C-alpha atoms as a PDB file:
ATOM      1  CA  MET A   1       0.000   0.000   0.000  1.00  0.00           C
ATOM      2  CA  ASN A   2       1.476   3.287  -0.987  1.00  0.00           C
ATOM      3  CA  THR A   3       1.538   6.517   0.945  1.00  0.00           C
ATOM      4  CA  GLN A   4      -1.437   8.090  -0.847  1.00  0.00           C
ATOM      5  CA  GLN A   5      -3.688   5.148  -0.072  1.00  0.00           C
ATOM      6  CA  ARG A   6      -2.716   5.163   3.615  1.00  0.00           C
ATOM      7  CA  LEU A   7      -3.335   8.902   3.783  1.00  0.00           C
ATOM      8  CA  LYS A   8      -6.710   8.483   2.078  1.00  0.00           C
ATOM      9  CA  LYS A   9      -7.740   5.737   4.534  1.00  0.00           C
ATOM     10  CA  LYS A  10      -6.652   7.830   7.497  1.00  0.00           C
ATOM     11  CA  ILE A  11      -8.602  10.873   6.303  1.00  0.00           C
ATOM     12  CA  GLU A  12     -11.690   8.737   5.626  1.00  0.00           C
ATOM     13  CA  SER A  13     -11.548   7.273   9.123  1.00  0.00           C
ATOM     14  CA  GLN A  14     -11.191  10.750  10.648  1.00  0.00           C
ATOM     15  CA  ILE A  15     -14.170  12.022   8.644  1.00  0.00           C
ATOM     16  CA  LYS A  16     -16.185   9.045   9.834  1.00  0.00           C
ATOM     17  CA  ARG A  17     -15.244   9.775  13.473  1.00  0.00           C
ATOM     18  CA  ILE A  18     -16.176  13.458  13.096  1.00  0.00           C
ATOM     19  CA  ARG A  19     -19.582  12.585  11.636  1.00  0.00           C
ATOM     20  CA  GLN A  20     -20.198  10.063  14.409  1.00  0.00           C
ATOM     21  CA  ALA A  21     -19.253  12.660  17.049  1.00  0.00           C
ATOM     22  CA  GLU A  22     -21.672  15.176  15.508  1.00  0.00           C
ATOM     23  CA  HIS A  23     -24.402  12.556  15.531  1.00  0.00           C
ATOM     24  CA  ASP A  24     -23.751  11.569  19.165  1.00  0.00           C
ATOM     25  CA  ARG A  25     -23.597  15.150  20.458  1.00  0.00           C
ATOM     26  CA  PRO A  26     -25.539  15.396  23.745  1.00  0.00           C
ATOM     27  CA  THR A  27     -28.815  17.294  23.604  1.00  0.00           C
ATOM     28  CA  LEU A  28     -29.955  19.973  26.021  1.00  0.00           C
ATOM     29  CA  LEU A  29     -32.346  17.526  27.669  1.00  0.00           C
ATOM     30  CA  SER A  30     -29.651  14.904  28.239  1.00  0.00           C
ATOM     31  CA  GLN A  31     -27.293  17.517  29.693  1.00  0.00           C
ATOM     32  CA  THR A  32     -30.055  18.786  31.996  1.00  0.00           C
ATOM     33  CA  VAL A  33     -30.753  15.258  33.216  1.00  0.00           C
ATOM     34  CA  TYR A  34     -27.038  14.710  33.834  1.00  0.00           C
ATOM     35  CA  ILE A  35     -26.725  17.919  35.881  1.00  0.00           C
ATOM     36  CA  GLY A  36     -29.865  17.004  37.834  1.00  0.00           C
ATOM     37  CA  THR A  37     -28.447  13.576  38.594  1.00  0.00           C
ATOM     38  CA  LEU A  38     -25.221  15.155  39.822  1.00  0.00           C
ATOM     39  CA  GLY A  39     -27.247  17.396  42.120  1.00  0.00           C
ATOM     40  CA  LEU A  40     -29.241  14.505  43.523  1.00  0.00           C
ATOM     41  CA  VAL A  41     -26.263  12.280  44.236  1.00  0.00           C
ATOM     42  CA  MET A  42     -24.667  15.217  46.048  1.00  0.00           C
ATOM     43  CA  VAL A  43     -27.674  16.431  48.050  1.00  0.00           C
ATOM     44  CA  LEU A  44     -29.448  13.202  49.033  1.00  0.00           C
ATOM     45  CA  PRO A  45     -26.667  11.820  51.281  1.00  0.00           C
ATOM     46  CA  ILE A  46     -26.432  15.194  53.034  1.00  0.00           C
ATOM     47  CA  ILE A  47     -30.176  15.391  53.660  1.00  0.00           C
ATOM     48  CA  GLY A  48     -30.296  11.747  54.747  1.00  0.00           C
ATOM     49  CA  GLY A  49     -27.430  12.312  57.170  1.00  0.00           C
ATOM     50  CA  VAL A  50     -29.087  15.380  58.684  1.00  0.00           C
ATOM     51  CA  TYR A  51     -32.431  13.621  59.169  1.00  0.00           C
ATOM     52  CA  LEU A  52     -30.785  10.555  60.685  1.00  0.00           C
ATOM     53  CA  GLY A  53     -28.654  12.766  62.934  1.00  0.00           C
ATOM     54  CA  ARG A  54     -31.679  14.769  64.094  1.00  0.00           C
ATOM     55  CA  TRP A  55     -33.511  11.554  64.917  1.00  0.00           C
ATOM     56  CA  LEU A  56     -30.549  10.189  66.884  1.00  0.00           C
ATOM     57  CA  ASP A  57     -30.087  13.514  68.705  1.00  0.00           C
ATOM     58  CA  GLY A  58     -33.793  13.539  69.559  1.00  0.00           C
ATOM     59  CA  MET A  59     -33.418  10.179  71.271  1.00  0.00           C
ATOM     60  CA  MET A  60     -30.673  11.522  73.551  1.00  0.00           C
ATOM     61  CA  ALA A  61     -31.459  13.382  76.761  1.00  0.00           C
ATOM     62  CA  GLY A  62     -30.830  17.131  76.672  1.00  0.00           C
ATOM     63  CA  TYR A  63     -29.938  19.339  73.733  1.00  0.00           C
ATOM     64  CA  SER A  64     -27.372  17.814  71.421  1.00  0.00           C
ATOM     65  CA  MET A  65     -26.326  18.344  67.837  1.00  0.00           C
ATOM     66  CA  ARG A  66     -23.446  15.894  67.882  1.00  0.00           C
ATOM     67  CA  TRP A  67     -25.036  13.287  65.597  1.00  0.00           C
ATOM     68  CA  THR A  68     -26.560  15.877  63.307  1.00  0.00           C
ATOM     69  CA  LEU A  69     -23.259  17.603  62.624  1.00  0.00           C
ATOM     70  CA  SER A  70     -21.313  14.348  62.368  1.00  0.00           C
ATOM     71  CA  LEU A  71     -23.722  12.838  59.872  1.00  0.00           C
ATOM     72  CA  LEU A  72     -23.985  16.131  57.972  1.00  0.00           C
ATOM     73  CA  PHE A  73     -20.247  16.073  57.291  1.00  0.00           C
ATOM     74  CA  THR A  74     -20.347  12.340  56.569  1.00  0.00           C
ATOM     75  CA  GLY A  75     -23.135  12.958  54.035  1.00  0.00           C
ATOM     76  CA  LEU A  76     -21.083  15.754  52.489  1.00  0.00           C
ATOM     77  CA  VAL A  77     -18.081  13.457  52.039  1.00  0.00           C
ATOM     78  CA  VAL A  78     -20.273  10.678  50.609  1.00  0.00           C
ATOM     79  CA  GLY A  79     -21.903  13.158  48.222  1.00  0.00           C
ATOM     80  CA  ILE A  80     -18.546  14.427  47.001  1.00  0.00           C
ATOM     81  CA  PHE A  81     -17.353  10.873  46.357  1.00  0.00           C
ATOM     82  CA  ASN A  82     -20.630  10.093  44.535  1.00  0.00           C
ATOM     83  CA  VAL A  83     -20.165  13.074  42.220  1.00  0.00           C
ATOM     84  CA  PHE A  84     -16.508  12.229  41.661  1.00  0.00           C
ATOM     85  CA  PHE A  85     -17.259   8.642  40.681  1.00  0.00           C
ATOM     86  CA  LEU A  86     -20.190   9.674  38.470  1.00  0.00           C
ATOM     87  CA  ILE A  87     -18.090  12.252  36.590  1.00  0.00           C
ATOM     88  CA  LYS A  88     -15.099   9.908  36.347  1.00  0.00           C
ATOM     89  CA  ASP A  89     -16.999   7.455  34.127  1.00  0.00           C
END
């Protein structure tokens, strides 16, 4: 195979990849769903941690926010890891 044929094949494959990329371009709806999913995987562990912490603090005698704050920060860390692993893929 000579140089011109290899060049022609390479250009054809690049044109094919460009057309496929244009066809597979994400739409506004798919991007909105992706952003919404990122928000949910970040916020839900935080909210769950706060509610669980409030419930545990309510079971203790006296005024305490120890569980609420601990589980709030735990939910924050879990949410950050969720977003990281979702974006990584």
